[in-house]
Amino acid sequence: MTPTNLLVPTYQHMLQTLSGLLDKAQRQMPDQAEALLAARLAADMFPLAAQVRFAAFQAQEAVFRLRGERVPEWLDAVAAEGRSAGDAPGTLADAKARIDGALSYLADVPSDVLDAGADMSVAIELPGGMTFDMTGEQYARDWALPQFYFHVVTAYAILRSQGVEVGKAEYAPHMFAYLRPGTMAAA
């Protein structure tokens, strides 16, 4: 499996999931949906609004890193929005726009564009001075996917903790494409 055919479809599926989760929250709690953006799992964690922006950022960041390119300012702005979401969570429309922007960007990624990056060196520099050095393959497997999933799962958990009724079917709707005929459990 190559970095492109692992990362891009995964990001697309899960960003669509995240969008669907926000839609479901809007339908179930129309009077509280905007307030959900400020909800957190714990006081020292980022709110839902940040989780959405970080997921959108992570999905696009990997494309730049695996092509050996710097993350552009417009994408850094998405991460900055996430970091400031505790004070300025924005609206559901803003959050959905970030997801839609990431999906649109990923739709234009050529089918093998990240593959040459599998053997290149990638450095992850974190605040506080920690730096991780790895290959592009290690980056995709050990950083890009886990970081992305962390933010999607945290968004899901925030919505559940606030009373939005979602389950595995809403978390992994793309799996129904693989459902063996006649095996769907009766509701």
N, C-alpha and C. Protein backbone atom coordinates (compact mmCIF):
# COMPACT_ATOMS: atom_id res chain seq x y z
N MET A 1 0.85 -1.17 0.00
CA MET A 1 0.00 0.00 0.00
C MET A 1 0.90 1.24 0.00
N THR A 2 0.57 2.18 -0.82
CA THR A 2 1.38 3.39 -0.94
C THR A 2 0.82 4.50 -0.05
N PRO A 3 1.64 5.50 0.27
CA PRO A 3 1.13 6.61 1.08
C PRO A 3 -0.10 7.28 0.48
N THR A 4 -0.10 7.47 -0.84
CA THR A 4 -1.24 8.15 -1.45
C THR A 4 -2.52 7.33 -1.30
N ASN A 5 -2.45 6.03 -1.64
CA ASN A 5 -3.70 5.27 -1.58
C ASN A 5 -4.08 4.83 -0.17
N LEU A 6 -3.22 5.07 0.80
CA LEU A 6 -3.60 4.89 2.20
C LEU A 6 -4.20 6.18 2.76
N LEU A 7 -3.49 7.27 2.61
CA LEU A 7 -3.88 8.50 3.28
C LEU A 7 -5.08 9.20 2.65
N VAL A 8 -5.04 9.41 1.36
CA VAL A 8 -6.08 10.25 0.74
C VAL A 8 -7.48 9.67 0.92
N PRO A 9 -7.72 8.40 0.59
CA PRO A 9 -9.08 7.87 0.80
C PRO A 9 -9.48 7.86 2.28
N THR A 10 -8.52 7.56 3.15
CA THR A 10 -8.83 7.57 4.59
C THR A 10 -9.26 8.96 5.03
N TYR A 11 -8.50 9.96 4.65
CA TYR A 11 -8.86 11.33 5.01
C TYR A 11 -10.23 11.70 4.44
N GLN A 12 -10.46 11.33 3.20
CA GLN A 12 -11.75 11.66 2.58
C GLN A 12 -12.91 11.00 3.32
N HIS A 13 -12.79 9.70 3.59
CA HIS A 13 -13.86 8.98 4.30
C HIS A 13 -14.14 9.62 5.65
N MET A 14 -13.08 9.88 6.39
CA MET A 14 -13.28 10.34 7.77
C MET A 14 -13.67 11.81 7.85
N LEU A 15 -13.26 12.63 6.89
CA LEU A 15 -13.75 14.01 6.86
C LEU A 15 -15.24 14.02 6.50
N GLN A 16 -15.65 13.13 5.60
CA GLN A 16 -17.08 13.01 5.30
C GLN A 16 -17.84 12.55 6.54
N THR A 17 -17.25 11.64 7.30
CA THR A 17 -17.84 11.20 8.56
C THR A 17 -17.99 12.39 9.50
N LEU A 18 -16.94 13.17 9.65
CA LEU A 18 -16.97 14.32 10.55
C LEU A 18 -18.06 15.30 10.14
N SER A 19 -18.19 15.54 8.86
CA SER A 19 -19.24 16.41 8.35
C SER A 19 -20.61 15.84 8.68
N GLY A 20 -20.77 14.53 8.49
CA GLY A 20 -22.03 13.88 8.82
C GLY A 20 -22.37 13.95 10.30
N LEU A 21 -21.35 13.85 11.15
CA LEU A 21 -21.58 13.97 12.59
C LEU A 21 -22.08 15.36 12.94
N LEU A 22 -21.50 16.38 12.33
CA LEU A 22 -21.95 17.75 12.58
C LEU A 22 -23.38 17.95 12.07
N ASP A 23 -23.69 17.36 10.92
CA ASP A 23 -25.06 17.44 10.40
C ASP A 23 -26.05 16.79 11.36
N LYS A 24 -25.66 15.65 11.89
CA LYS A 24 -26.54 14.94 12.82
C LYS A 24 -26.75 15.76 14.09
N ALA A 25 -25.70 16.38 14.59
CA ALA A 25 -25.82 17.24 15.77
C ALA A 25 -26.78 18.39 15.49
N GLN A 26 -26.66 18.98 14.31
CA GLN A 26 -27.54 20.09 13.92
C GLN A 26 -29.00 19.63 13.87
N ARG A 27 -29.24 18.45 13.33
CA ARG A 27 -30.61 17.93 13.25
C ARG A 27 -31.17 17.57 14.62
N GLN A 28 -30.36 16.95 15.45
CA GLN A 28 -30.84 16.50 16.75
C GLN A 28 -30.96 17.62 17.78
N MET A 29 -30.08 18.59 17.70
CA MET A 29 -30.04 19.66 18.70
C MET A 29 -29.96 21.02 18.02
N PRO A 30 -30.96 21.38 17.24
CA PRO A 30 -30.86 22.62 16.46
C PRO A 30 -30.66 23.87 17.32
N ASP A 31 -31.19 23.88 18.52
CA ASP A 31 -31.04 25.06 19.38
C ASP A 31 -29.72 25.08 20.13
N GLN A 32 -29.02 23.96 20.16
CA GLN A 32 -27.76 23.87 20.90
C GLN A 32 -26.55 23.60 20.01
N ALA A 33 -26.79 23.39 18.74
CA ALA A 33 -25.71 22.94 17.85
C ALA A 33 -24.52 23.90 17.83
N GLU A 34 -24.77 25.18 17.77
CA GLU A 34 -23.66 26.14 17.74
C GLU A 34 -22.87 26.10 19.05
N ALA A 35 -23.57 25.92 20.17
CA ALA A 35 -22.90 25.85 21.48
C ALA A 35 -22.02 24.62 21.59
N LEU A 36 -22.35 23.57 20.85
CA LEU A 36 -21.53 22.35 20.89
C LEU A 36 -20.09 22.62 20.46
N LEU A 37 -19.89 23.62 19.63
CA LEU A 37 -18.54 23.92 19.15
C LEU A 37 -17.60 24.29 20.28
N ALA A 38 -18.12 24.78 21.39
CA ALA A 38 -17.29 25.16 22.54
C ALA A 38 -17.14 24.01 23.54
N ALA A 39 -17.83 22.90 23.31
CA ALA A 39 -17.78 21.77 24.25
C ALA A 39 -16.42 21.07 24.20
N ARG A 40 -16.02 20.56 25.35
CA ARG A 40 -14.73 19.86 25.50
C ARG A 40 -14.94 18.57 26.27
N LEU A 41 -14.04 17.65 26.12
CA LEU A 41 -14.06 16.44 26.96
C LEU A 41 -13.49 16.72 28.34
N ALA A 42 -12.53 17.60 28.42
CA ALA A 42 -11.90 17.98 29.68
C ALA A 42 -11.49 19.44 29.57
N ALA A 43 -11.38 20.09 30.71
CA ALA A 43 -11.09 21.53 30.72
C ALA A 43 -9.78 21.87 30.02
N ASP A 44 -8.80 20.96 30.05
CA ASP A 44 -7.51 21.26 29.44
C ASP A 44 -7.39 20.76 28.00
N MET A 45 -8.51 20.37 27.40
CA MET A 45 -8.51 19.91 26.01
C MET A 45 -9.12 20.98 25.11
N PHE A 46 -8.80 20.90 23.84
CA PHE A 46 -9.39 21.81 22.87
C PHE A 46 -10.86 21.45 22.65
N PRO A 47 -11.69 22.46 22.30
CA PRO A 47 -13.11 22.21 22.06
C PRO A 47 -13.37 21.57 20.69
N LEU A 48 -14.63 21.22 20.48
CA LEU A 48 -15.05 20.61 19.22
C LEU A 48 -14.61 21.43 18.01
N ALA A 49 -14.77 22.75 18.08
CA ALA A 49 -14.39 23.60 16.95
C ALA A 49 -12.92 23.40 16.58
N ALA A 50 -12.07 23.23 17.58
CA ALA A 50 -10.65 23.01 17.32
C ALA A 50 -10.41 21.63 16.72
N GLN A 51 -11.11 20.63 17.22
CA GLN A 51 -10.92 19.27 16.72
C GLN A 51 -11.23 19.20 15.22
N VAL A 52 -12.29 19.88 14.81
CA VAL A 52 -12.66 19.90 13.39
C VAL A 52 -11.57 20.57 12.57
N ARG A 53 -11.09 21.70 13.04
CA ARG A 53 -10.06 22.42 12.28
C ARG A 53 -8.76 21.64 12.24
N PHE A 54 -8.39 21.01 13.37
CA PHE A 54 -7.16 20.23 13.38
C PHE A 54 -7.27 19.03 12.44
N ALA A 55 -8.42 18.39 12.37
CA ALA A 55 -8.59 17.27 11.44
C ALA A 55 -8.44 17.76 10.00
N ALA A 56 -9.05 18.89 9.68
CA ALA A 56 -8.93 19.45 8.33
C ALA A 56 -7.47 19.81 8.03
N PHE A 57 -6.79 20.38 9.01
CA PHE A 57 -5.38 20.73 8.85
C PHE A 57 -4.53 19.48 8.62
N GLN A 58 -4.69 18.49 9.50
CA GLN A 58 -3.87 17.28 9.42
C GLN A 58 -3.99 16.59 8.07
N ALA A 59 -5.21 16.52 7.55
CA ALA A 59 -5.44 15.84 6.28
C ALA A 59 -4.69 16.51 5.13
N GLN A 60 -4.59 17.81 5.19
CA GLN A 60 -3.91 18.53 4.11
C GLN A 60 -2.42 18.66 4.37
N GLU A 61 -2.03 18.78 5.63
CA GLU A 61 -0.61 18.91 5.97
C GLU A 61 0.20 17.74 5.42
N ALA A 62 -0.34 16.54 5.54
CA ALA A 62 0.39 15.35 5.09
C ALA A 62 0.74 15.43 3.61
N VAL A 63 -0.14 16.00 2.82
CA VAL A 63 0.12 16.12 1.38
C VAL A 63 1.36 16.99 1.14
N PHE A 64 1.43 18.10 1.85
CA PHE A 64 2.59 18.99 1.67
C PHE A 64 3.87 18.34 2.19
N ARG A 65 3.80 17.76 3.37
CA ARG A 65 5.00 17.15 3.96
C ARG A 65 5.55 16.03 3.08
N LEU A 66 4.67 15.18 2.56
CA LEU A 66 5.14 14.05 1.76
C LEU A 66 5.56 14.45 0.34
N ARG A 67 5.28 15.67 -0.03
CA ARG A 67 5.82 16.20 -1.29
C ARG A 67 7.08 17.02 -1.03
N GLY A 68 7.48 17.11 0.24
CA GLY A 68 8.68 17.87 0.59
C GLY A 68 8.47 19.36 0.53
N GLU A 69 7.24 19.81 0.69
CA GLU A 69 6.90 21.23 0.60
C GLU A 69 6.55 21.79 1.98
N ARG A 70 6.78 23.06 2.14
CA ARG A 70 6.37 23.75 3.36
C ARG A 70 4.85 23.87 3.38
N VAL A 71 4.31 23.83 4.57
CA VAL A 71 2.87 24.05 4.72
C VAL A 71 2.60 25.51 4.40
N PRO A 72 1.67 25.79 3.48
CA PRO A 72 1.41 27.18 3.08
C PRO A 72 0.70 27.96 4.19
N GLU A 73 0.78 29.28 4.09
CA GLU A 73 0.18 30.15 5.10
C GLU A 73 -1.32 29.92 5.23
N TRP A 74 -2.02 29.70 4.11
CA TRP A 74 -3.47 29.50 4.20
C TRP A 74 -3.81 28.27 5.03
N LEU A 75 -2.94 27.26 5.01
CA LEU A 75 -3.19 26.06 5.81
C LEU A 75 -2.76 26.27 7.26
N ASP A 76 -1.67 26.99 7.47
CA ASP A 76 -1.28 27.34 8.84
C ASP A 76 -2.40 28.13 9.52
N ALA A 77 -3.14 28.92 8.75
CA ALA A 77 -4.26 29.69 9.31
C ALA A 77 -5.35 28.77 9.86
N VAL A 78 -5.53 27.61 9.24
CA VAL A 78 -6.53 26.64 9.73
C VAL A 78 -6.09 26.12 11.10
N ALA A 79 -4.81 25.78 11.24
CA ALA A 79 -4.30 25.32 12.53
C ALA A 79 -4.40 26.43 13.58
N ALA A 80 -4.11 27.66 13.18
CA ALA A 80 -4.21 28.79 14.12
C ALA A 80 -5.66 28.98 14.58
N GLU A 81 -6.60 28.81 13.67
CA GLU A 81 -8.02 28.87 14.07
C GLU A 81 -8.33 27.81 15.12
N GLY A 82 -7.76 26.64 14.93
CA GLY A 82 -7.96 25.56 15.90
C GLY A 82 -7.40 25.92 17.26
N ARG A 83 -6.19 26.47 17.27
CA ARG A 83 -5.57 26.84 18.55
C ARG A 83 -6.34 27.94 19.27
N SER A 84 -7.03 28.80 18.53
CA SER A 84 -7.78 29.90 19.17
C SER A 84 -9.27 29.60 19.30
N ALA A 85 -9.68 28.39 18.99
CA ALA A 85 -11.11 28.04 18.99
C ALA A 85 -11.74 28.09 20.37
N GLY A 86 -10.95 28.01 21.42
CA GLY A 86 -11.51 28.13 22.76
C GLY A 86 -12.11 29.50 22.99
N ASP A 87 -11.51 30.52 22.39
CA ASP A 87 -12.01 31.89 22.51
C ASP A 87 -12.92 32.27 21.36
N ALA A 88 -12.72 31.67 20.21
CA ALA A 88 -13.49 32.02 19.01
C ALA A 88 -13.86 30.74 18.26
N PRO A 89 -14.88 30.00 18.73
CA PRO A 89 -15.21 28.72 18.10
C PRO A 89 -15.82 28.83 16.71
N GLY A 90 -16.32 30.01 16.35
CA GLY A 90 -16.96 30.16 15.04
C GLY A 90 -18.32 29.49 15.02
N THR A 91 -18.78 29.19 13.83
CA THR A 91 -20.11 28.61 13.64
C THR A 91 -20.00 27.22 13.04
N LEU A 92 -21.11 26.50 13.04
CA LEU A 92 -21.12 25.21 12.35
C LEU A 92 -20.82 25.38 10.87
N ALA A 93 -21.32 26.45 10.30
CA ALA A 93 -21.04 26.71 8.88
C ALA A 93 -19.54 26.89 8.66
N ASP A 94 -18.86 27.58 9.59
CA ASP A 94 -17.40 27.74 9.49
C ASP A 94 -16.70 26.39 9.56
N ALA A 95 -17.13 25.56 10.52
CA ALA A 95 -16.51 24.25 10.69
C ALA A 95 -16.72 23.39 9.45
N LYS A 96 -17.94 23.39 8.94
CA LYS A 96 -18.24 22.61 7.73
C LYS A 96 -17.44 23.14 6.53
N ALA A 97 -17.24 24.44 6.47
CA ALA A 97 -16.46 25.01 5.37
C ALA A 97 -15.02 24.52 5.42
N ARG A 98 -14.45 24.37 6.61
CA ARG A 98 -13.08 23.85 6.73
C ARG A 98 -13.02 22.40 6.26
N ILE A 99 -14.03 21.62 6.62
CA ILE A 99 -14.08 20.23 6.15
C ILE A 99 -14.23 20.19 4.64
N ASP A 100 -15.16 20.98 4.12
CA ASP A 100 -15.38 21.01 2.67
C ASP A 100 -14.13 21.46 1.92
N GLY A 101 -13.42 22.44 2.48
CA GLY A 101 -12.18 22.90 1.86
C GLY A 101 -11.14 21.79 1.80
N ALA A 102 -11.02 21.04 2.88
CA ALA A 102 -10.06 19.93 2.91
C ALA A 102 -10.46 18.85 1.90
N LEU A 103 -11.75 18.53 1.85
CA LEU A 103 -12.22 17.52 0.89
C LEU A 103 -11.97 17.98 -0.55
N SER A 104 -12.21 19.23 -0.82
CA SER A 104 -11.98 19.77 -2.15
C SER A 104 -10.50 19.68 -2.51
N TYR A 105 -9.64 20.04 -1.57
CA TYR A 105 -8.21 19.97 -1.80
C TYR A 105 -7.78 18.52 -2.09
N LEU A 106 -8.25 17.59 -1.26
CA LEU A 106 -7.87 16.19 -1.42
C LEU A 106 -8.38 15.60 -2.74
N ALA A 107 -9.51 16.09 -3.22
CA ALA A 107 -10.07 15.58 -4.48
C ALA A 107 -9.14 15.86 -5.66
N ASP A 108 -8.30 16.87 -5.53
CA ASP A 108 -7.39 17.25 -6.61
C ASP A 108 -5.99 16.66 -6.46
N VAL A 109 -5.77 15.82 -5.45
CA VAL A 109 -4.45 15.22 -5.25
C VAL A 109 -4.28 14.07 -6.26
N PRO A 110 -3.25 14.14 -7.11
CA PRO A 110 -3.01 13.07 -8.08
C PRO A 110 -2.81 11.71 -7.39
N SER A 111 -3.10 10.64 -8.09
CA SER A 111 -3.17 9.30 -7.49
C SER A 111 -1.85 8.75 -6.96
N ASP A 112 -0.72 9.33 -7.32
CA ASP A 112 0.55 8.81 -6.82
C ASP A 112 1.47 9.90 -6.28
N VAL A 113 0.94 11.07 -6.04
CA VAL A 113 1.77 12.23 -5.74
C VAL A 113 2.55 12.10 -4.42
N LEU A 114 2.07 11.34 -3.47
CA LEU A 114 2.74 11.24 -2.17
C LEU A 114 3.72 10.08 -2.10
N ASP A 115 3.69 9.21 -3.08
CA ASP A 115 4.45 7.97 -3.00
C ASP A 115 5.96 8.18 -2.99
N ALA A 116 6.44 9.16 -3.71
CA ALA A 116 7.88 9.44 -3.72
C ALA A 116 8.36 9.91 -2.36
N GLY A 117 7.45 10.39 -1.53
CA GLY A 117 7.82 10.87 -0.20
C GLY A 117 8.01 9.79 0.83
N ALA A 118 7.74 8.53 0.49
CA ALA A 118 7.84 7.44 1.47
C ALA A 118 9.24 7.30 2.06
N ASP A 119 10.26 7.55 1.26
CA ASP A 119 11.64 7.37 1.72
C ASP A 119 12.33 8.67 2.12
N MET A 120 11.66 9.79 1.93
CA MET A 120 12.29 11.06 2.28
C MET A 120 12.31 11.27 3.80
N SER A 121 13.14 12.16 4.27
CA SER A 121 13.21 12.50 5.69
C SER A 121 12.14 13.52 6.02
N VAL A 122 11.44 13.27 7.12
CA VAL A 122 10.42 14.20 7.60
C VAL A 122 10.75 14.52 9.05
N ALA A 123 10.75 15.80 9.38
CA ALA A 123 10.98 16.24 10.76
C ALA A 123 9.70 16.88 11.29
N ILE A 124 9.27 16.42 12.45
CA ILE A 124 8.12 17.01 13.12
C ILE A 124 8.66 17.80 14.29
N GLU A 125 8.49 19.11 14.24
CA GLU A 125 8.96 19.99 15.31
C GLU A 125 7.76 20.47 16.11
N LEU A 126 7.77 20.17 17.40
CA LEU A 126 6.66 20.53 18.28
C LEU A 126 7.04 21.71 19.15
N PRO A 127 6.04 22.44 19.63
CA PRO A 127 6.33 23.51 20.58
C PRO A 127 7.08 22.93 21.79
N GLY A 128 8.00 23.70 22.33
CA GLY A 128 8.78 23.22 23.46
C GLY A 128 10.10 22.61 23.04
N GLY A 129 10.34 22.52 21.73
CA GLY A 129 11.63 22.07 21.25
C GLY A 129 11.76 20.61 20.88
N MET A 130 10.73 19.79 21.12
CA MET A 130 10.82 18.38 20.72
C MET A 130 10.76 18.26 19.21
N THR A 131 11.66 17.42 18.66
CA THR A 131 11.67 17.16 17.23
C THR A 131 11.74 15.66 17.00
N PHE A 132 10.92 15.19 16.08
CA PHE A 132 10.90 13.78 15.70
C PHE A 132 11.40 13.68 14.26
N ASP A 133 12.37 12.81 14.03
CA ASP A 133 12.89 12.56 12.69
C ASP A 133 12.46 11.18 12.25
N MET A 134 11.91 11.09 11.04
CA MET A 134 11.41 9.81 10.53
C MET A 134 11.37 9.85 9.01
N THR A 135 11.11 8.70 8.42
CA THR A 135 10.91 8.65 6.98
C THR A 135 9.47 9.06 6.67
N GLY A 136 9.20 9.30 5.42
CA GLY A 136 7.83 9.63 5.01
C GLY A 136 6.86 8.50 5.32
N GLU A 137 7.31 7.26 5.13
CA GLU A 137 6.45 6.12 5.45
C GLU A 137 6.14 6.08 6.94
N GLN A 138 7.17 6.28 7.77
CA GLN A 138 6.95 6.32 9.22
C GLN A 138 6.05 7.48 9.60
N TYR A 139 6.26 8.62 8.96
CA TYR A 139 5.41 9.79 9.21
C TYR A 139 3.95 9.47 8.91
N ALA A 140 3.69 8.87 7.76
CA ALA A 140 2.31 8.54 7.38
C ALA A 140 1.68 7.59 8.38
N ARG A 141 2.41 6.54 8.75
CA ARG A 141 1.89 5.50 9.63
C ARG A 141 1.83 5.94 11.10
N ASP A 142 2.90 6.58 11.59
CA ASP A 142 3.05 6.81 13.02
C ASP A 142 2.66 8.21 13.48
N TRP A 143 2.52 9.15 12.55
CA TRP A 143 2.14 10.50 12.93
C TRP A 143 0.89 10.98 12.22
N ALA A 144 0.92 10.99 10.90
CA ALA A 144 -0.17 11.61 10.15
C ALA A 144 -1.52 10.95 10.43
N LEU A 145 -1.58 9.63 10.30
CA LEU A 145 -2.86 8.95 10.56
C LEU A 145 -3.28 9.00 12.02
N PRO A 146 -2.39 8.68 12.98
CA PRO A 146 -2.83 8.76 14.38
C PRO A 146 -3.28 10.15 14.80
N GLN A 147 -2.58 11.19 14.37
CA GLN A 147 -2.98 12.55 14.73
C GLN A 147 -4.35 12.88 14.15
N PHE A 148 -4.55 12.54 12.90
CA PHE A 148 -5.82 12.81 12.25
C PHE A 148 -6.95 12.08 12.96
N TYR A 149 -6.77 10.77 13.19
CA TYR A 149 -7.82 9.99 13.86
C TYR A 149 -8.08 10.51 15.27
N PHE A 150 -7.04 10.95 15.97
CA PHE A 150 -7.24 11.50 17.31
C PHE A 150 -8.27 12.62 17.28
N HIS A 151 -8.13 13.53 16.34
CA HIS A 151 -9.03 14.69 16.29
C HIS A 151 -10.44 14.29 15.85
N VAL A 152 -10.56 13.36 14.92
CA VAL A 152 -11.88 12.90 14.50
C VAL A 152 -12.57 12.15 15.65
N VAL A 153 -11.85 11.26 16.31
CA VAL A 153 -12.43 10.50 17.42
C VAL A 153 -12.78 11.43 18.58
N THR A 154 -11.95 12.41 18.85
CA THR A 154 -12.24 13.36 19.93
C THR A 154 -13.49 14.17 19.59
N ALA A 155 -13.64 14.57 18.35
CA ALA A 155 -14.87 15.28 17.94
C ALA A 155 -16.08 14.39 18.16
N TYR A 156 -15.99 13.13 17.75
CA TYR A 156 -17.07 12.17 17.96
C TYR A 156 -17.39 12.06 19.45
N ALA A 157 -16.36 11.90 20.28
CA ALA A 157 -16.56 11.74 21.72
C ALA A 157 -17.18 12.99 22.35
N ILE A 158 -16.79 14.16 21.90
CA ILE A 158 -17.40 15.39 22.41
C ILE A 158 -18.89 15.40 22.09
N LEU A 159 -19.23 15.08 20.86
CA LEU A 159 -20.65 15.07 20.47
C LEU A 159 -21.43 14.06 21.30
N ARG A 160 -20.88 12.86 21.48
CA ARG A 160 -21.55 11.84 22.31
C ARG A 160 -21.72 12.33 23.74
N SER A 161 -20.67 12.94 24.28
CA SER A 161 -20.73 13.39 25.67
C SER A 161 -21.76 14.50 25.87
N GLN A 162 -22.11 15.18 24.79
CA GLN A 162 -23.08 16.26 24.87
C GLN A 162 -24.49 15.79 24.52
N GLY A 163 -24.65 14.50 24.29
CA GLY A 163 -25.98 13.94 24.07
C GLY A 163 -26.38 13.72 22.63
N VAL A 164 -25.47 13.94 21.69
CA VAL A 164 -25.79 13.66 20.29
C VAL A 164 -25.78 12.14 20.11
N GLU A 165 -26.85 11.63 19.56
CA GLU A 165 -26.99 10.18 19.40
C GLU A 165 -26.33 9.73 18.10
N VAL A 166 -25.09 9.30 18.25
CA VAL A 166 -24.32 8.76 17.14
C VAL A 166 -23.68 7.46 17.61
N GLY A 167 -23.42 6.57 16.67
CA GLY A 167 -22.80 5.29 16.99
C GLY A 167 -21.81 4.90 15.92
N LYS A 168 -21.46 3.63 15.90
CA LYS A 168 -20.46 3.16 14.93
C LYS A 168 -20.92 3.34 13.49
N ALA A 169 -22.21 3.20 13.25
CA ALA A 169 -22.71 3.37 11.88
C ALA A 169 -22.46 4.78 11.38
N GLU A 170 -22.52 5.76 12.27
CA GLU A 170 -22.24 7.15 11.88
C GLU A 170 -20.74 7.41 11.83
N TYR A 171 -19.97 6.66 12.61
CA TYR A 171 -18.53 6.87 12.64
C TYR A 171 -17.85 6.25 11.42
N ALA A 172 -18.35 5.14 10.95
CA ALA A 172 -17.72 4.45 9.81
C ALA A 172 -18.72 4.11 8.72
N PRO A 173 -19.46 5.12 8.21
CA PRO A 173 -20.47 4.82 7.20
C PRO A 173 -19.88 4.29 5.89
N HIS A 174 -18.62 4.60 5.63
CA HIS A 174 -17.98 4.11 4.41
C HIS A 174 -17.87 2.59 4.38
N MET A 175 -17.96 1.95 5.53
CA MET A 175 -17.86 0.49 5.60
C MET A 175 -19.05 -0.22 4.95
N PHE A 176 -20.18 0.48 4.84
CA PHE A 176 -21.35 -0.15 4.24
C PHE A 176 -21.12 -0.50 2.76
N ALA A 177 -20.14 0.11 2.14
CA ALA A 177 -19.79 -0.24 0.76
C ALA A 177 -19.27 -1.68 0.67
N TYR A 178 -18.80 -2.22 1.78
CA TYR A 178 -18.22 -3.56 1.81
C TYR A 178 -19.15 -4.59 2.45
N LEU A 179 -20.35 -4.19 2.80
CA LEU A 179 -21.28 -5.08 3.50
C LEU A 179 -21.70 -6.24 2.60
N ARG A 180 -21.51 -7.44 3.09
CA ARG A 180 -21.93 -8.62 2.34
C ARG A 180 -23.46 -8.63 2.27
N PRO A 181 -24.01 -8.79 1.07
CA PRO A 181 -25.47 -8.81 0.93
C PRO A 181 -26.10 -9.86 1.85
N GLY A 182 -27.22 -9.48 2.46
CA GLY A 182 -27.97 -10.38 3.31
C GLY A 182 -27.45 -10.49 4.74
N THR A 183 -26.42 -9.71 5.10
CA THR A 183 -25.86 -9.83 6.45
C THR A 183 -26.19 -8.64 7.35
N MET A 184 -26.98 -7.70 6.86
CA MET A 184 -27.35 -6.53 7.67
C MET A 184 -28.32 -6.99 8.75
N ALA A 185 -28.00 -6.68 9.99
CA ALA A 185 -28.88 -7.04 11.10
C ALA A 185 -30.17 -6.24 11.01
N ALA A 186 -31.27 -6.86 11.37
CA ALA A 186 -32.56 -6.16 11.38
C ALA A 186 -32.59 -5.16 12.52
N ALA A 187 -33.19 -4.02 12.26
CA ALA A 187 -33.25 -2.97 13.29
C ALA A 187 -34.36 -3.22 14.28
